[in-house]
């Protein structure tokens, strides 16, 4: 079996670009969170958490109020 040739310099360039994009996204998201009221922010988080992935074949429900918590004694 022959292994593919990997250009390590190109791979490093892609890695740096992905890291930069991730930091930019985090900065934009933090700015949005600071400028958005809690009700809007909470609704957006709920929609993202409950969103069914496009390739998912099963249903996923997130009902945190139905989860019974045990006390730590």
N, C-alpha and C. Protein backbone atom coordinates (compact mmCIF):
# COMPACT_ATOMS: atom_id res chain seq x y z
N UNK A 1 0.84 -1.18 0.00
CA UNK A 1 0.00 0.00 0.00
C UNK A 1 0.89 1.24 0.00
N UNK A 2 0.60 2.15 -0.88
CA UNK A 2 1.42 3.34 -1.03
C UNK A 2 0.79 4.50 -0.24
N UNK A 3 1.59 5.19 0.55
CA UNK A 3 1.11 6.32 1.33
C UNK A 3 1.07 7.58 0.47
N UNK A 4 0.11 8.46 0.72
CA UNK A 4 0.05 9.70 -0.06
C UNK A 4 1.19 10.64 0.33
N UNK A 5 1.61 11.43 -0.61
CA UNK A 5 2.63 12.43 -0.32
C UNK A 5 1.97 13.62 0.37
N UNK A 6 2.60 14.07 1.45
CA UNK A 6 2.04 15.17 2.23
C UNK A 6 3.05 16.31 2.23
N UNK A 7 2.58 17.47 1.83
CA UNK A 7 3.41 18.66 1.85
C UNK A 7 3.28 19.28 3.23
N UNK A 8 4.31 19.11 4.06
CA UNK A 8 4.24 19.57 5.44
C UNK A 8 4.15 21.09 5.55
N UNK A 9 4.75 21.80 4.63
CA UNK A 9 4.66 23.26 4.66
C UNK A 9 3.24 23.72 4.36
N UNK A 10 2.61 23.08 3.38
CA UNK A 10 1.22 23.42 3.06
C UNK A 10 0.29 23.06 4.23
N UNK A 11 0.55 21.93 4.85
CA UNK A 11 -0.25 21.50 6.00
C UNK A 11 -0.11 22.50 7.16
N UNK A 12 1.08 22.97 7.41
CA UNK A 12 1.31 23.97 8.46
C UNK A 12 0.59 25.27 8.13
N UNK A 13 0.60 25.66 6.87
CA UNK A 13 -0.09 26.88 6.44
C UNK A 13 -1.60 26.75 6.68
N UNK A 14 -2.16 25.61 6.35
CA UNK A 14 -3.59 25.35 6.56
C UNK A 14 -3.91 25.39 8.06
N UNK A 15 -3.04 24.80 8.85
CA UNK A 15 -3.24 24.77 10.30
C UNK A 15 -3.27 26.19 10.88
N UNK A 16 -2.33 27.04 10.46
CA UNK A 16 -2.30 28.42 10.94
C UNK A 16 -3.56 29.18 10.51
N UNK A 17 -3.99 28.98 9.27
CA UNK A 17 -5.18 29.66 8.76
C UNK A 17 -6.43 29.23 9.54
N UNK A 18 -6.56 27.94 9.81
CA UNK A 18 -7.71 27.44 10.58
C UNK A 18 -7.72 28.04 11.99
N UNK A 19 -6.54 28.12 12.60
CA UNK A 19 -6.43 28.69 13.94
C UNK A 19 -6.84 30.15 13.93
N UNK A 20 -6.38 30.92 12.94
CA UNK A 20 -6.72 32.34 12.82
C UNK A 20 -8.23 32.51 12.63
N UNK A 21 -8.82 31.68 11.77
CA UNK A 21 -10.27 31.76 11.53
C UNK A 21 -11.05 31.43 12.80
N UNK A 22 -10.58 30.45 13.56
CA UNK A 22 -11.27 30.08 14.80
C UNK A 22 -11.22 31.24 15.79
N UNK A 23 -10.07 31.91 15.92
CA UNK A 23 -9.97 33.05 16.82
C UNK A 23 -10.87 34.21 16.37
N UNK A 24 -10.94 34.45 15.07
CA UNK A 24 -11.82 35.51 14.55
C UNK A 24 -13.28 35.20 14.87
N UNK A 25 -13.67 33.94 14.68
CA UNK A 25 -15.04 33.54 14.99
C UNK A 25 -15.34 33.77 16.47
N UNK A 26 -14.42 33.36 17.33
CA UNK A 26 -14.63 33.55 18.77
C UNK A 26 -14.78 35.02 19.13
N UNK A 27 -13.97 35.86 18.52
CA UNK A 27 -14.08 37.30 18.77
C UNK A 27 -15.44 37.84 18.34
N UNK A 28 -15.90 37.44 17.14
CA UNK A 28 -17.21 37.89 16.66
C UNK A 28 -18.33 37.39 17.56
N UNK A 29 -18.23 36.14 17.99
CA UNK A 29 -19.26 35.55 18.83
C UNK A 29 -19.33 36.25 20.20
N UNK A 30 -18.18 36.54 20.78
CA UNK A 30 -18.16 37.25 22.07
C UNK A 30 -18.77 38.63 21.93
N UNK A 31 -18.43 39.34 20.84
CA UNK A 31 -19.03 40.66 20.62
C UNK A 31 -20.55 40.55 20.50
N UNK A 32 -21.03 39.53 19.77
CA UNK A 32 -22.47 39.33 19.61
C UNK A 32 -23.11 39.04 20.96
N UNK A 33 -22.47 38.18 21.76
CA UNK A 33 -23.03 37.85 23.08
C UNK A 33 -23.14 39.08 23.97
N UNK A 34 -22.14 39.94 23.93
CA UNK A 34 -22.15 41.15 24.77
C UNK A 34 -23.21 42.15 24.33
N UNK A 35 -23.53 42.17 23.03
CA UNK A 35 -24.49 43.15 22.51
C UNK A 35 -25.93 42.62 22.50
N UNK A 36 -26.13 41.35 22.76
CA UNK A 36 -27.44 40.72 22.63
C UNK A 36 -28.08 40.53 24.00
N UNK A 37 -29.39 40.79 24.07
CA UNK A 37 -30.07 40.60 25.36
C UNK A 37 -30.18 39.10 25.67
N UNK A 38 -30.42 38.79 26.94
CA UNK A 38 -30.41 37.39 27.39
C UNK A 38 -31.47 36.53 26.72
N UNK A 39 -32.66 37.07 26.50
CA UNK A 39 -33.74 36.27 25.89
C UNK A 39 -33.36 35.84 24.47
N UNK A 40 -32.80 36.76 23.69
CA UNK A 40 -32.39 36.43 22.33
C UNK A 40 -31.24 35.44 22.34
N UNK A 41 -30.27 35.67 23.22
CA UNK A 41 -29.11 34.79 23.33
C UNK A 41 -29.56 33.38 23.72
N UNK A 42 -30.44 33.28 24.71
CA UNK A 42 -30.92 31.98 25.17
C UNK A 42 -31.67 31.24 24.08
N UNK A 43 -32.50 31.94 23.32
CA UNK A 43 -33.24 31.32 22.22
C UNK A 43 -32.29 30.79 21.16
N UNK A 44 -31.26 31.55 20.85
CA UNK A 44 -30.29 31.11 19.85
C UNK A 44 -29.54 29.87 20.32
N UNK A 45 -29.17 29.84 21.61
CA UNK A 45 -28.47 28.67 22.15
C UNK A 45 -29.37 27.44 22.13
N UNK A 46 -30.63 27.62 22.51
CA UNK A 46 -31.58 26.51 22.52
C UNK A 46 -31.77 25.95 21.12
N UNK A 47 -31.89 26.83 20.14
CA UNK A 47 -32.07 26.38 18.75
C UNK A 47 -30.84 25.61 18.28
N UNK A 48 -29.66 26.07 18.65
CA UNK A 48 -28.44 25.39 18.23
C UNK A 48 -28.32 24.02 18.90
N UNK A 49 -28.63 23.94 20.18
CA UNK A 49 -28.53 22.69 20.92
C UNK A 49 -29.54 21.67 20.40
N UNK A 50 -30.76 22.11 20.12
CA UNK A 50 -31.82 21.20 19.70
C UNK A 50 -31.81 20.90 18.21
N UNK A 51 -30.94 21.55 17.46
CA UNK A 51 -30.91 21.36 16.01
C UNK A 51 -30.49 19.93 15.68
N UNK A 52 -31.26 19.31 14.82
CA UNK A 52 -30.95 17.96 14.38
C UNK A 52 -29.93 18.03 13.25
N UNK A 53 -28.82 17.32 13.38
CA UNK A 53 -27.83 17.34 12.31
C UNK A 53 -28.42 16.84 10.99
N UNK A 54 -27.98 17.40 9.88
CA UNK A 54 -28.51 17.06 8.56
C UNK A 54 -28.33 15.59 8.24
N UNK A 55 -27.26 14.97 8.71
CA UNK A 55 -27.01 13.57 8.37
C UNK A 55 -27.50 12.60 9.44
N UNK A 56 -28.24 13.10 10.42
CA UNK A 56 -28.72 12.26 11.50
C UNK A 56 -29.99 11.51 11.08
N UNK A 57 -30.06 10.24 11.47
CA UNK A 57 -31.24 9.44 11.18
C UNK A 57 -32.08 9.20 12.43
N UNK A 58 -31.58 9.61 13.58
CA UNK A 58 -32.34 9.41 14.80
C UNK A 58 -32.70 10.75 15.43
N UNK A 59 -33.74 10.73 16.23
CA UNK A 59 -34.18 11.95 16.89
C UNK A 59 -33.43 12.13 18.20
N UNK A 60 -33.05 13.36 18.46
CA UNK A 60 -32.36 13.69 19.71
C UNK A 60 -33.16 14.78 20.39
N UNK A 61 -33.55 14.53 21.63
CA UNK A 61 -34.31 15.52 22.38
C UNK A 61 -33.49 15.96 23.58
N UNK A 62 -33.46 17.24 23.82
CA UNK A 62 -32.75 17.79 24.96
C UNK A 62 -33.79 18.41 25.89
N UNK A 63 -34.14 17.68 26.92
CA UNK A 63 -35.11 18.17 27.89
C UNK A 63 -34.44 18.13 29.25
N UNK A 64 -33.76 19.23 29.61
CA UNK A 64 -33.00 19.27 30.84
C UNK A 64 -33.89 19.28 32.07
N UNK A 65 -35.10 19.79 31.95
CA UNK A 65 -35.99 19.84 33.11
C UNK A 65 -36.47 18.45 33.50
N UNK A 66 -36.44 17.50 32.57
CA UNK A 66 -36.89 16.15 32.87
C UNK A 66 -35.79 15.34 33.56
N UNK A 67 -34.58 15.83 33.57
CA UNK A 67 -33.48 15.12 34.18
C UNK A 67 -33.52 15.33 35.69
N UNK A 68 -33.58 14.23 36.41
CA UNK A 68 -33.64 14.31 37.86
C UNK A 68 -32.21 14.34 38.40
N UNK A 69 -31.90 15.34 39.20
CA UNK A 69 -30.58 15.46 39.78
C UNK A 69 -30.55 14.86 41.18
N UNK A 70 -29.49 14.18 41.46
CA UNK A 70 -29.33 13.61 42.79
C UNK A 70 -28.52 14.57 43.64
N UNK A 71 -28.89 14.66 44.89
CA UNK A 71 -28.13 15.53 45.80
C UNK A 71 -26.86 14.81 46.22
N UNK A 72 -25.83 15.59 46.45
CA UNK A 72 -24.55 15.02 46.89
C UNK A 72 -24.46 15.14 48.40
N UNK A 73 -24.55 14.02 49.04
CA UNK A 73 -24.47 13.99 50.52
C UNK A 73 -23.28 13.18 50.95
